[in-house]
Amino acid sequence: MAQHVPGMSQQVSSPELPKPGLVRQILATPWLTLVLMGSSLFLLAMMAFTVWGDRGLLALWRTQHELERLVREIEIVEQKNATLSREVQRLRSDLGYIEKIAREELGLVRPGEIVFEFAD
């Protein structure tokens, strides 16, 4: 048994009950639970739209790759266009080139020339 010492006040400490955790407090409050669940669903939906939406990360990635493909295609077409422009310029000004094309592609010959054809 505990003895009482005169002059000293004895404080009886009652055993402290553990404080309920934050999760238990939230779950014990129905409106707070609904707010937490609603905001969680909202955040998940926003994340989904950020990744998979019409203007999301995947759409941005596809658009960038399409842009790179189109830039490469434009470069190829510009090179072909430059080659054709040089060809047109030569056909307009170089008579020797015109004759070469006429002989090679059209099989034309000058009057008095003899053509030899060799069998393979």
PDB file of N, CA and C in Angstrom:
ATOM      1  N   MET A   1       0.816  -1.179   0.000  1.00  0.00           N
ATOM      2  CA  MET A   1       0.000   0.000   0.000  1.00  0.00           C
ATOM      3  C   MET A   1       0.859   1.241   0.000  1.00  0.00           C
ATOM      4  N   ALA A   2       0.340   2.240  -0.620  1.00  0.00           N
ATOM      5  CA  ALA A   2       1.097   3.475  -0.694  1.00  0.00           C
ATOM      6  C   ALA A   2       0.852   4.293   0.555  1.00  0.00           C
ATOM      7  N   GLN A   3       1.903   4.902   1.071  1.00  0.00           N
ATOM      8  CA  GLN A   3       1.780   5.728   2.268  1.00  0.00           C
ATOM      9  C   GLN A   3       1.676   7.175   1.874  1.00  0.00           C
ATOM     10  N   HIS A   4       0.938   7.863   2.706  1.00  0.00           N
ATOM     11  CA  HIS A   4       0.770   9.282   2.458  1.00  0.00           C
ATOM     12  C   HIS A   4       1.813  10.021   3.243  1.00  0.00           C
ATOM     13  N   VAL A   5       2.587  10.836   2.568  1.00  0.00           N
ATOM     14  CA  VAL A   5       3.628  11.616   3.227  1.00  0.00           C
ATOM     15  C   VAL A   5       3.054  12.990   3.491  1.00  0.00           C
ATOM     16  N   PRO A   6       3.096  13.444   4.792  1.00  0.00           N
ATOM     17  CA  PRO A   6       2.530  14.750   5.085  1.00  0.00           C
ATOM     18  C   PRO A   6       3.313  15.850   4.392  1.00  0.00           C
ATOM     19  N   GLY A   7       2.631  16.860   3.876  1.00  0.00           N
ATOM     20  CA  GLY A   7       3.262  17.993   3.217  1.00  0.00           C
ATOM     21  C   GLY A   7       3.353  17.830   1.712  1.00  0.00           C
ATOM     22  N   MET A   8       3.168  16.692   1.289  1.00  0.00           N
ATOM     23  CA  MET A   8       3.226  16.480  -0.150  1.00  0.00           C
ATOM     24  C   MET A   8       1.829  16.137  -0.643  1.00  0.00           C
ATOM     25  N   SER A   9       1.457  16.866  -1.609  1.00  0.00           N
ATOM     26  CA  SER A   9       0.144  16.546  -2.137  1.00  0.00           C
ATOM     27  C   SER A   9       0.296  15.407  -3.135  1.00  0.00           C
ATOM     28  N   GLN A  10      -0.610  14.611  -3.049  1.00  0.00           N
ATOM     29  CA  GLN A  10      -0.560  13.427  -3.913  1.00  0.00           C
ATOM     30  C   GLN A  10      -1.484  13.676  -5.103  1.00  0.00           C
ATOM     31  N   GLN A  11      -0.903  13.599  -6.280  1.00  0.00           N
ATOM     32  CA  GLN A  11      -1.712  13.769  -7.480  1.00  0.00           C
ATOM     33  C   GLN A  11      -1.993  12.399  -8.049  1.00  0.00           C
ATOM     34  N   VAL A  12      -3.221  12.176  -8.196  1.00  0.00           N
ATOM     35  CA  VAL A  12      -3.620  10.900  -8.757  1.00  0.00           C
ATOM     36  C   VAL A  12      -3.735  11.106 -10.262  1.00  0.00           C
ATOM     37  N   SER A  13      -2.889  10.431 -10.958  1.00  0.00           N
ATOM     38  CA  SER A  13      -2.951  10.560 -12.416  1.00  0.00           C
ATOM     39  C   SER A  13      -3.806   9.445 -12.960  1.00  0.00           C
ATOM     40  N   SER A  14      -4.773   9.870 -13.692  1.00  0.00           N
ATOM     41  CA  SER A  14      -5.614   8.860 -14.324  1.00  0.00           C
ATOM     42  C   SER A  14      -4.930   8.409 -15.601  1.00  0.00           C
ATOM     43  N   PRO A  15      -5.086   7.178 -15.921  1.00  0.00           N
ATOM     44  CA  PRO A  15      -4.450   6.702 -17.156  1.00  0.00           C
ATOM     45  C   PRO A  15      -5.035   7.459 -18.342  1.00  0.00           C
ATOM     46  N   GLU A  16      -4.116   8.025 -19.186  1.00  0.00           N
ATOM     47  CA  GLU A  16      -4.567   8.800 -20.335  1.00  0.00           C
ATOM     48  C   GLU A  16      -4.978   7.860 -21.449  1.00  0.00           C
ATOM     49  N   LEU A  17      -6.112   8.188 -22.029  1.00  0.00           N
ATOM     50  CA  LEU A  17      -6.586   7.423 -23.173  1.00  0.00           C
ATOM     51  C   LEU A  17      -5.872   7.921 -24.421  1.00  0.00           C
ATOM     52  N   PRO A  18      -5.488   7.031 -25.295  1.00  0.00           N
ATOM     53  CA  PRO A  18      -4.815   7.494 -26.516  1.00  0.00           C
ATOM     54  C   PRO A  18      -5.782   8.333 -27.348  1.00  0.00           C
ATOM     55  N   LYS A  19      -5.243   9.417 -27.927  1.00  0.00           N
ATOM     56  CA  LYS A  19      -6.064  10.283 -28.762  1.00  0.00           C
ATOM     57  C   LYS A  19      -6.339   9.557 -30.067  1.00  0.00           C
ATOM     58  N   PRO A  20      -7.551   9.675 -30.531  1.00  0.00           N
ATOM     59  CA  PRO A  20      -7.843   9.002 -31.795  1.00  0.00           C
ATOM     60  C   PRO A  20      -7.017   9.627 -32.912  1.00  0.00           C
ATOM     61  N   GLY A  21      -6.571   8.815 -33.831  1.00  0.00           N
ATOM     62  CA  GLY A  21      -5.749   9.289 -34.945  1.00  0.00           C
ATOM     63  C   GLY A  21      -6.553  10.136 -35.903  1.00  0.00           C
ATOM     64  N   LEU A  22      -5.848  10.804 -36.777  1.00  0.00           N
ATOM     65  CA  LEU A  22      -6.484  11.693 -37.739  1.00  0.00           C
ATOM     66  C   LEU A  22      -7.426  10.926 -38.652  1.00  0.00           C
ATOM     67  N   VAL A  23      -7.005   9.747 -39.076  1.00  0.00           N
ATOM     68  CA  VAL A  23      -7.848   8.948 -39.965  1.00  0.00           C
ATOM     69  C   VAL A  23      -9.141   8.580 -39.271  1.00  0.00           C
ATOM     70  N   ARG A  24      -9.055   8.193 -37.979  1.00  0.00           N
ATOM     71  CA  ARG A  24     -10.270   7.837 -37.247  1.00  0.00           C
ATOM     72  C   ARG A  24     -11.157   9.045 -37.053  1.00  0.00           C
ATOM     73  N   GLN A  25     -10.552  10.213 -36.856  1.00  0.00           N
ATOM     74  CA  GLN A  25     -11.351  11.426 -36.705  1.00  0.00           C
ATOM     75  C   GLN A  25     -12.081  11.744 -38.009  1.00  0.00           C
ATOM     76  N   ILE A  26     -11.396  11.576 -39.120  1.00  0.00           N
ATOM     77  CA  ILE A  26     -12.017  11.860 -40.412  1.00  0.00           C
ATOM     78  C   ILE A  26     -13.141  10.871 -40.680  1.00  0.00           C
ATOM     79  N   LEU A  27     -12.864   9.595 -40.423  1.00  0.00           N
ATOM     80  CA  LEU A  27     -13.880   8.578 -40.681  1.00  0.00           C
ATOM     81  C   LEU A  27     -15.062   8.718 -39.736  1.00  0.00           C
ATOM     82  N   ALA A  28     -14.853   9.292 -38.577  1.00  0.00           N
ATOM     83  CA  ALA A  28     -15.947   9.482 -37.635  1.00  0.00           C
ATOM     84  C   ALA A  28     -16.824  10.653 -38.039  1.00  0.00           C
ATOM     85  N   THR A  29     -16.323  11.521 -38.928  1.00  0.00           N
ATOM     86  CA  THR A  29     -17.103  12.677 -39.367  1.00  0.00           C
ATOM     87  C   THR A  29     -17.553  12.417 -40.801  1.00  0.00           C
ATOM     88  N   PRO A  30     -18.853  12.127 -40.999  1.00  0.00           N
ATOM     89  CA  PRO A  30     -19.323  11.737 -42.338  1.00  0.00           C
ATOM     90  C   PRO A  30     -19.099  12.814 -43.404  1.00  0.00           C
ATOM     91  N   TRP A  31     -19.337  14.080 -43.107  1.00  0.00           N
ATOM     92  CA  TRP A  31     -19.177  15.103 -44.136  1.00  0.00           C
ATOM     93  C   TRP A  31     -17.714  15.288 -44.510  1.00  0.00           C
ATOM     94  N   LEU A  32     -16.818  15.117 -43.539  1.00  0.00           N
ATOM     95  CA  LEU A  32     -15.391  15.225 -43.814  1.00  0.00           C
ATOM     96  C   LEU A  32     -14.930  14.053 -44.679  1.00  0.00           C
ATOM     97  N   THR A  33     -15.501  12.883 -44.435  1.00  0.00           N
ATOM     98  CA  THR A  33     -15.201  11.707 -45.259  1.00  0.00           C
ATOM     99  C   THR A  33     -15.639  11.942 -46.692  1.00  0.00           C
ATOM    100  N   LEU A  34     -16.835  12.505 -46.864  1.00  0.00           N
ATOM    101  CA  LEU A  34     -17.332  12.778 -48.213  1.00  0.00           C
ATOM    102  C   LEU A  34     -16.462  13.826 -48.919  1.00  0.00           C
ATOM    103  N   VAL A  35     -16.044  14.849 -48.196  1.00  0.00           N
ATOM    104  CA  VAL A  35     -15.179  15.871 -48.787  1.00  0.00           C
ATOM    105  C   VAL A  35     -13.841  15.263 -49.207  1.00  0.00           C
ATOM    106  N   LEU A  36     -13.276  14.433 -48.351  1.00  0.00           N
ATOM    107  CA  LEU A  36     -11.995  13.800 -48.655  1.00  0.00           C
ATOM    108  C   LEU A  36     -12.117  12.871 -49.857  1.00  0.00           C
ATOM    109  N   MET A  37     -13.175  12.073 -49.899  1.00  0.00           N
ATOM    110  CA  MET A  37     -13.368  11.162 -51.032  1.00  0.00           C
ATOM    111  C   MET A  37     -13.624  11.946 -52.318  1.00  0.00           C
ATOM    112  N   GLY A  38     -14.436  13.004 -52.232  1.00  0.00           N
ATOM    113  CA  GLY A  38     -14.718  13.822 -53.415  1.00  0.00           C
ATOM    114  C   GLY A  38     -13.474  14.496 -53.954  1.00  0.00           C
ATOM    115  N   SER A  39     -12.673  15.063 -53.058  1.00  0.00           N
ATOM    116  CA  SER A  39     -11.451  15.719 -53.521  1.00  0.00           C
ATOM    117  C   SER A  39     -10.455  14.698 -54.073  1.00  0.00           C
ATOM    118  N   SER A  40     -10.416  13.501 -53.499  1.00  0.00           N
ATOM    119  CA  SER A  40      -9.529  12.456 -54.025  1.00  0.00           C
ATOM    120  C   SER A  40      -9.950  12.047 -55.424  1.00  0.00           C
ATOM    121  N   LEU A  41     -11.253  11.867 -55.627  1.00  0.00           N
ATOM    122  CA  LEU A  41     -11.743  11.516 -56.962  1.00  0.00           C
ATOM    123  C   LEU A  41     -11.477  12.642 -57.958  1.00  0.00           C
ATOM    124  N   PHE A  42     -11.648  13.874 -57.522  1.00  0.00           N
ATOM    125  CA  PHE A  42     -11.367  15.017 -58.390  1.00  0.00           C
ATOM    126  C   PHE A  42      -9.900  15.037 -58.802  1.00  0.00           C
ATOM    127  N   LEU A  43      -9.005  14.818 -57.850  1.00  0.00           N
ATOM    128  CA  LEU A  43      -7.571  14.813 -58.160  1.00  0.00           C
ATOM    129  C   LEU A  43      -7.210  13.668 -59.106  1.00  0.00           C
ATOM    130  N   LEU A  44      -7.807  12.504 -58.898  1.00  0.00           N
ATOM    131  CA  LEU A  44      -7.554  11.380 -59.809  1.00  0.00           C
ATOM    132  C   LEU A  44      -8.053  11.692 -61.214  1.00  0.00           C
ATOM    133  N   ALA A  45      -9.229  12.311 -61.299  1.00  0.00           N
ATOM    134  CA  ALA A  45      -9.758  12.672 -62.614  1.00  0.00           C
ATOM    135  C   ALA A  45      -8.861  13.700 -63.293  1.00  0.00           C
ATOM    136  N   MET A  46      -8.374  14.676 -62.554  1.00  0.00           N
ATOM    137  CA  MET A  46      -7.480  15.682 -63.138  1.00  0.00           C
ATOM    138  C   MET A  46      -6.176  15.053 -63.617  1.00  0.00           C
ATOM    139  N   MET A  47      -5.655  14.110 -62.854  1.00  0.00           N
ATOM    140  CA  MET A  47      -4.429  13.417 -63.274  1.00  0.00           C
ATOM    141  C   MET A  47      -4.680  12.628 -64.551  1.00  0.00           C
ATOM    142  N   ALA A  48      -5.836  11.966 -64.628  1.00  0.00           N
ATOM    143  CA  ALA A  48      -6.164  11.186 -65.823  1.00  0.00           C
ATOM    144  C   ALA A  48      -6.273  12.103 -67.039  1.00  0.00           C
ATOM    145  N   PHE A  49      -6.953  13.258 -66.891  1.00  0.00           N
ATOM    146  CA  PHE A  49      -7.058  14.198 -68.009  1.00  0.00           C
ATOM    147  C   PHE A  49      -5.701  14.766 -68.386  1.00  0.00           C
ATOM    148  N   THR A  50      -4.827  14.943 -67.411  1.00  0.00           N
ATOM    149  CA  THR A  50      -3.497  15.473 -67.691  1.00  0.00           C
ATOM    150  C   THR A  50      -2.694  14.504 -68.555  1.00  0.00           C
ATOM    151  N   VAL A  51      -2.886  13.225 -68.344  1.00  0.00           N
ATOM    152  CA  VAL A  51      -2.122  12.227 -69.096  1.00  0.00           C
ATOM    153  C   VAL A  51      -2.847  11.825 -70.377  1.00  0.00           C
ATOM    154  N   TRP A  52      -4.140  11.482 -70.274  1.00  0.00           N
ATOM    155  CA  TRP A  52      -4.843  10.884 -71.405  1.00  0.00           C
ATOM    156  C   TRP A  52      -5.844  11.796 -72.086  1.00  0.00           C
ATOM    157  N   GLY A  53      -5.993  13.013 -71.665  1.00  0.00           N
ATOM    158  CA  GLY A  53      -6.983  13.915 -72.239  1.00  0.00           C
ATOM    159  C   GLY A  53      -6.619  14.368 -73.645  1.00  0.00           C
ATOM    160  N   ASP A  54      -7.541  15.121 -74.254  1.00  0.00           N
ATOM    161  CA  ASP A  54      -7.317  15.625 -75.614  1.00  0.00           C
ATOM    162  C   ASP A  54      -6.074  16.495 -75.704  1.00  0.00           C
ATOM    163  N   ARG A  55      -5.770  17.198 -74.645  1.00  0.00           N
ATOM    164  CA  ARG A  55      -4.579  18.043 -74.615  1.00  0.00           C
ATOM    165  C   ARG A  55      -3.602  17.550 -73.565  1.00  0.00           C
ATOM    166  N   GLY A  56      -3.651  16.265 -73.288  1.00  0.00           N
ATOM    167  CA  GLY A  56      -2.798  15.678 -72.260  1.00  0.00           C
ATOM    168  C   GLY A  56      -1.395  15.386 -72.758  1.00  0.00           C
ATOM    169  N   LEU A  57      -0.643  14.740 -71.901  1.00  0.00           N
ATOM    170  CA  LEU A  57       0.761  14.452 -72.214  1.00  0.00           C
ATOM    171  C   LEU A  57       0.906  13.519 -73.403  1.00  0.00           C
ATOM    172  N   LEU A  58       0.038  12.508 -73.502  1.00  0.00           N
ATOM    173  CA  LEU A  58       0.143  11.585 -74.638  1.00  0.00           C
ATOM    174  C   LEU A  58      -0.197  12.285 -75.948  1.00  0.00           C
ATOM    175  N   ALA A  59      -1.200  13.145 -75.935  1.00  0.00           N
ATOM    176  CA  ALA A  59      -1.544  13.895 -77.145  1.00  0.00           C
ATOM    177  C   ALA A  59      -0.410  14.833 -77.529  1.00  0.00           C
ATOM    178  N   LEU A  60       0.206  15.449 -76.549  1.00  0.00           N
ATOM    179  CA  LEU A  60       1.347  16.331 -76.808  1.00  0.00           C
ATOM    180  C   LEU A  60       2.501  15.542 -77.420  1.00  0.00           C
ATOM    181  N   TRP A  61       2.762  14.362 -76.897  1.00  0.00           N
ATOM    182  CA  TRP A  61       3.839  13.510 -77.416  1.00  0.00           C
ATOM    183  C   TRP A  61       3.551  13.127 -78.867  1.00  0.00           C
ATOM    184  N   ARG A  62       2.298  12.712 -79.149  1.00  0.00           N
ATOM    185  CA  ARG A  62       1.939  12.350 -80.525  1.00  0.00           C
ATOM    186  C   ARG A  62       2.060  13.539 -81.461  1.00  0.00           C
ATOM    187  N   THR A  63       1.642  14.708 -81.009  1.00  0.00           N
ATOM    188  CA  THR A  63       1.716  15.911 -81.835  1.00  0.00           C
ATOM    189  C   THR A  63       3.159  16.278 -82.144  1.00  0.00           C
ATOM    190  N   GLN A  64       4.046  16.148 -81.167  1.00  0.00           N
ATOM    191  CA  GLN A  64       5.455  16.457 -81.401  1.00  0.00           C
ATOM    192  C   GLN A  64       6.065  15.503 -82.420  1.00  0.00           C
ATOM    193  N   HIS A  65       5.732  14.222 -82.325  1.00  0.00           N
ATOM    194  CA  HIS A  65       6.269  13.259 -83.292  1.00  0.00           C
ATOM    195  C   HIS A  65       5.706  13.510 -84.685  1.00  0.00           C
ATOM    196  N   GLU A  66       4.431  13.878 -84.761  1.00  0.00           N
ATOM    197  CA  GLU A  66       3.833  14.203 -86.054  1.00  0.00           C
ATOM    198  C   GLU A  66       4.503  15.444 -86.642  1.00  0.00           C
ATOM    199  N   LEU A  67       4.786  16.431 -85.816  1.00  0.00           N
ATOM    200  CA  LEU A  67       5.464  17.639 -86.277  1.00  0.00           C
ATOM    201  C   LEU A  67       6.855  17.308 -86.811  1.00  0.00           C
ATOM    202  N   GLU A  68       7.608  16.469 -86.098  1.00  0.00           N
ATOM    203  CA  GLU A  68       8.948  16.071 -86.562  1.00  0.00           C
ATOM    204  C   GLU A  68       8.867  15.339 -87.888  1.00  0.00           C
ATOM    205  N   ARG A  69       7.868  14.462 -88.049  1.00  0.00           N
ATOM    206  CA  ARG A  69       7.692  13.726 -89.306  1.00  0.00           C
ATOM    207  C   ARG A  69       7.380  14.685 -90.441  1.00  0.00           C
ATOM    208  N   LEU A  70       6.501  15.648 -90.185  1.00  0.00           N
ATOM    209  CA  LEU A  70       6.137  16.604 -91.229  1.00  0.00           C
ATOM    210  C   LEU A  70       7.305  17.512 -91.600  1.00  0.00           C
ATOM    211  N   VAL A  71       8.125  17.889 -90.633  1.00  0.00           N
ATOM    212  CA  VAL A  71       9.304  18.714 -90.929  1.00  0.00           C
ATOM    213  C   VAL A  71      10.265  17.943 -91.833  1.00  0.00           C
ATOM    214  N   ARG A  72      10.478  16.654 -91.521  1.00  0.00           N
ATOM    215  CA  ARG A  72      11.350  15.835 -92.384  1.00  0.00           C
ATOM    216  C   ARG A  72      10.759  15.719 -93.790  1.00  0.00           C
ATOM    217  N   GLU A  73       9.446  15.528 -93.881  1.00  0.00           N
ATOM    218  CA  GLU A  73       8.798  15.409 -95.184  1.00  0.00           C
ATOM    219  C   GLU A  73       8.922  16.717 -95.973  1.00  0.00           C
ATOM    220  N   ILE A  74       8.775  17.843 -95.302  1.00  0.00           N
ATOM    221  CA  ILE A  74       8.929  19.148 -95.964  1.00  0.00           C
ATOM    222  C   ILE A  74      10.352  19.314 -96.487  1.00  0.00           C
ATOM    223  N   GLU A  75      11.346  18.901 -95.704  1.00  0.00           N
ATOM    224  CA  GLU A  75      12.740  18.998 -96.158  1.00  0.00           C
ATOM    225  C   GLU A  75      12.962  18.175 -97.413  1.00  0.00           C
ATOM    226  N   ILE A  76      12.396  16.974 -97.465  1.00  0.00           N
ATOM    227  CA  ILE A  76      12.541  16.110 -98.647  1.00  0.00           C
ATOM    228  C   ILE A  76      11.883  16.763 -99.854  1.00  0.00           C
ATOM    229  N   VAL A  77      10.682  17.300 -99.674  1.00  0.00           N
ATOM    230  CA  VAL A  77       9.978  17.941-100.787  1.00  0.00           C
ATOM    231  C   VAL A  77      10.731  19.183-101.254  1.00  0.00           C
ATOM    232  N   GLU A  78      11.300  19.935-100.338  1.00  0.00           N
ATOM    233  CA  GLU A  78      12.081  21.120-100.725  1.00  0.00           C
ATOM    234  C   GLU A  78      13.322  20.729-101.511  1.00  0.00           C
ATOM    235  N   GLN A  79      13.971  19.621-101.137  1.00  0.00           N
ATOM    236  CA  GLN A  79      15.135  19.147-101.895  1.00  0.00           C
ATOM    237  C   GLN A  79      14.725  18.740-103.305  1.00  0.00           C
ATOM    238  N   LYS A  80      13.603  18.023-103.434  1.00  0.00           N
ATOM    239  CA  LYS A  80      13.120  17.625-104.755  1.00  0.00           C
ATOM    240  C   LYS A  80      12.761  18.853-105.587  1.00  0.00           C
ATOM    241  N   ASN A  81      12.154  19.832-104.936  1.00  0.00           N
ATOM    242  CA  ASN A  81      11.777  21.058-105.626  1.00  0.00           C
ATOM    243  C   ASN A  81      13.010  21.807-106.137  1.00  0.00           C
ATOM    244  N   ALA A  82      14.059  21.868-105.329  1.00  0.00           N
ATOM    245  CA  ALA A  82      15.296  22.531-105.749  1.00  0.00           C
ATOM    246  C   ALA A  82      15.924  21.793-106.929  1.00  0.00           C
ATOM    247  N   THR A  83      15.915  20.452-106.885  1.00  0.00           N
ATOM    248  CA  THR A  83      16.457  19.655-107.990  1.00  0.00           C
ATOM    249  C   THR A  83      15.675  19.910-109.271  1.00  0.00           C
ATOM    250  N   LEU A  84      14.351  19.939-109.163  1.00  0.00           N
ATOM    251  CA  LEU A  84      13.521  20.197-110.350  1.00  0.00           C
ATOM    252  C   LEU A  84      13.715  21.616-110.868  1.00  0.00           C
ATOM    253  N   SER A  85      13.915  22.574-109.984  1.00  0.00           N
ATOM    254  CA  SER A  85      14.158  23.955-110.421  1.00  0.00           C
ATOM    255  C   SER A  85      15.465  24.046-111.207  1.00  0.00           C
ATOM    256  N   ARG A  86      16.508  23.346-110.725  1.00  0.00           N
ATOM    257  CA  ARG A  86      17.779  23.326-111.467  1.00  0.00           C
ATOM    258  C   ARG A  86      17.592  22.655-112.831  1.00  0.00           C
ATOM    259  N   GLU A  87      16.806  21.589-112.870  1.00  0.00           N
ATOM    260  CA  GLU A  87      16.533  20.884-114.123  1.00  0.00           C
ATOM    261  C   GLU A  87      15.817  21.810-115.104  1.00  0.00           C
ATOM    262  N   VAL A  88      14.831  22.536-114.637  1.00  0.00           N
ATOM    263  CA  VAL A  88      14.092  23.470-115.494  1.00  0.00           C
ATOM    264  C   VAL A  88      15.032  24.554-116.021  1.00  0.00           C
ATOM    265  N   GLN A  89      15.880  25.074-115.152  1.00  0.00           N
ATOM    266  CA  GLN A  89      16.825  26.122-115.558  1.00  0.00           C
ATOM    267  C   GLN A  89      17.772  25.614-116.639  1.00  0.00           C
ATOM    268  N   ARG A  90      18.263  24.377-116.479  1.00  0.00           N
ATOM    269  CA  ARG A  90      19.157  23.801-117.498  1.00  0.00           C
ATOM    270  C   ARG A  90      18.419  23.584-118.811  1.00  0.00           C
ATOM    271  N   LEU A  91      17.175  23.123-118.731  1.00  0.00           N
ATOM    272  CA  LEU A  91      16.412  22.896-119.970  1.00  0.00           C
ATOM    273  C   LEU A  91      16.095  24.204-120.689  1.00  0.00           C
ATOM    274  N   ARG A  92      15.996  25.284-119.956  1.00  0.00           N
ATOM    275  CA  ARG A  92      15.712  26.580-120.585  1.00  0.00           C
ATOM    276  C   ARG A  92      16.959  27.217-121.211  1.00  0.00           C
ATOM    277  N   SER A  93      18.138  26.884-120.682  1.00  0.00           N
ATOM    278  CA  SER A  93      19.315  27.645-121.114  1.00  0.00           C
ATOM    279  C   SER A  93      20.424  26.809-121.755  1.00  0.00           C
ATOM    280  N   ASP A  94      20.520  25.517-121.487  1.00  0.00           N
ATOM    281  CA  ASP A  94      21.657  24.710-121.943  1.00  0.00           C
ATOM    282  C   ASP A  94      21.234  23.829-123.126  1.00  0.00           C
ATOM    283  N   LEU A  95      21.631  24.248-124.352  1.00  0.00           N
ATOM    284  CA  LEU A  95      21.253  23.483-125.550  1.00  0.00           C
ATOM    285  C   LEU A  95      21.912  22.106-125.582  1.00  0.00           C
ATOM    286  N   GLY A  96      23.138  22.009-125.080  1.00  0.00           N
ATOM    287  CA  GLY A  96      23.814  20.708-125.035  1.00  0.00           C
ATOM    288  C   GLY A  96      23.066  19.724-124.136  1.00  0.00           C
ATOM    289  N   TYR A  97      22.529  20.213-123.034  1.00  0.00           N
ATOM    290  CA  TYR A  97      21.761  19.356-122.116  1.00  0.00           C
ATOM    291  C   TYR A  97      20.454  18.925-122.778  1.00  0.00           C
ATOM    292  N   ILE A  98      19.837  19.848-123.515  1.00  0.00           N
ATOM    293  CA  ILE A  98      18.587  19.503-124.212  1.00  0.00           C
ATOM    294  C   ILE A  98      18.852  18.401-125.229  1.00  0.00           C
ATOM    295  N   GLU A  99      19.967  18.527-125.969  1.00  0.00           N
ATOM    296  CA  GLU A  99      20.310  17.501-126.962  1.00  0.00           C
ATOM    297  C   GLU A  99      20.579  16.159-126.288  1.00  0.00           C
ATOM    298  N   LYS A 100      21.297  16.192-125.173  1.00  0.00           N
ATOM    299  CA  LYS A 100      21.596  14.959-124.440  1.00  0.00           C
ATOM    300  C   LYS A 100      20.304  14.259-124.007  1.00  0.00           C
ATOM    301  N   ILE A 101      19.371  15.016-123.476  1.00  0.00           N
ATOM    302  CA  ILE A 101      18.095  14.441-123.044  1.00  0.00           C
ATOM    303  C   ILE A 101      17.334  13.888-124.246  1.00  0.00           C
ATOM    304  N   ALA A 102      17.329  14.623-125.353  1.00  0.00           N
ATOM    305  CA  ALA A 102      16.624  14.170-126.552  1.00  0.00           C
ATOM    306  C   ALA A 102      17.214  12.859-127.070  1.00  0.00           C
ATOM    307  N   ARG A 103      18.530  12.728-127.015  1.00  0.00           N
ATOM    308  CA  ARG A 103      19.162  11.494-127.492  1.00  0.00           C
ATOM    309  C   ARG A 103      18.916  10.326-126.533  1.00  0.00           C
ATOM    310  N   GLU A 104      19.100  10.563-125.230  1.00  0.00           N
ATOM    311  CA  GLU A 104      19.018   9.469-124.267  1.00  0.00           C
ATOM    312  C   GLU A 104      17.580   9.024-123.995  1.00  0.00           C
ATOM    313  N   GLU A 105      16.694   9.974-123.797  1.00  0.00           N
ATOM    314  CA  GLU A 105      15.341   9.605-123.382  1.00  0.00           C
ATOM    315  C   GLU A 105      14.384   9.421-124.556  1.00  0.00           C
ATOM    316  N   LEU A 106      14.586  10.195-125.616  1.00  0.00           N
ATOM    317  CA  LEU A 106      13.667  10.108-126.752  1.00  0.00           C
ATOM    318  C   LEU A 106      14.229   9.301-127.926  1.00  0.00           C
ATOM    319  N   GLY A 107      15.534   9.019-127.882  1.00  0.00           N
ATOM    320  CA  GLY A 107      16.151   8.229-128.951  1.00  0.00           C
ATOM    321  C   GLY A 107      16.285   8.987-130.266  1.00  0.00           C
ATOM    322  N   LEU A 108      16.325  10.294-130.207  1.00  0.00           N
ATOM    323  CA  LEU A 108      16.450  11.090-131.433  1.00  0.00           C
ATOM    324  C   LEU A 108      17.906  11.117-131.912  1.00  0.00           C
ATOM    325  N   VAL A 109      18.073  11.270-133.243  1.00  0.00           N
ATOM    326  CA  VAL A 109      19.407  11.384-133.843  1.00  0.00           C
ATOM    327  C   VAL A 109      19.389  12.554-134.828  1.00  0.00           C
ATOM    328  N   ARG A 110      20.576  13.047-135.122  1.00  0.00           N
ATOM    329  CA  ARG A 110      20.692  14.118-136.106  1.00  0.00           C
ATOM    330  C   ARG A 110      20.596  13.520-137.513  1.00  0.00           C
ATOM    331  N   PRO A 111      20.211  14.333-138.430  1.00  0.00           N
ATOM    332  CA  PRO A 111      20.168  13.812-139.811  1.00  0.00           C
ATOM    333  C   PRO A 111      21.574  13.394-140.268  1.00  0.00           C
ATOM    334  N   GLY A 112      21.654  12.240-140.875  1.00  0.00           N
ATOM    335  CA  GLY A 112      22.920  11.721-141.387  1.00  0.00           C
ATOM    336  C   GLY A 112      23.676  10.869-140.387  1.00  0.00           C
ATOM    337  N   GLU A 113      23.241  10.775-139.132  1.00  0.00           N
ATOM    338  CA  GLU A 113      23.927   9.935-138.157  1.00  0.00           C
ATOM    339  C   GLU A 113      23.453   8.492-138.311  1.00  0.00           C
ATOM    340  N   ILE A 114      24.356   7.580-138.028  1.00  0.00           N
ATOM    341  CA  ILE A 114      24.019   6.157-138.087  1.00  0.00           C
ATOM    342  C   ILE A 114      23.930   5.645-136.644  1.00  0.00           C
ATOM    343  N   VAL A 115      22.894   4.913-136.355  1.00  0.00           N
ATOM    344  CA  VAL A 115      22.678   4.387-135.007  1.00  0.00           C
ATOM    345  C   VAL A 115      23.039   2.900-135.023  1.00  0.00           C
ATOM    346  N   PHE A 116      23.879   2.519-134.071  1.00  0.00           N
ATOM    347  CA  PHE A 116      24.243   1.110-133.906  1.00  0.00           C
ATOM    348  C   PHE A 116      23.568   0.603-132.627  1.00  0.00           C
ATOM    349  N   GLU A 117      22.840  -0.465-132.756  1.00  0.00           N
ATOM    350  CA  GLU A 117      22.218  -1.084-131.587  1.00  0.00           C
ATOM    351  C   GLU A 117      22.884  -2.417-131.362  1.00  0.00           C
ATOM    352  N   PHE A 118      23.287  -2.672-130.136  1.00  0.00           N
ATOM    353  CA  PHE A 118      23.958  -3.895-129.782  1.00  0.00           C
ATOM    354  C   PHE A 118      23.036  -4.752-128.944  1.00  0.00           C
ATOM    355  N   ALA A 119      23.018  -6.024-129.259  1.00  0.00           N
ATOM    356  CA  ALA A 119      22.197  -6.948-128.492  1.00  0.00           C
ATOM    357  C   ALA A 119      22.973  -7.379-127.267  1.00  0.00           C
ATOM    358  N   ASP A 120      22.321  -7.530-126.188  1.00  0.00           N
ATOM    359  CA  ASP A 120      22.979  -7.952-124.941  1.00  0.00           C
ATOM    360  C   ASP A 120      23.259  -9.420-124.913  1.00  0.00           C
TER     361      ASP A 120
END
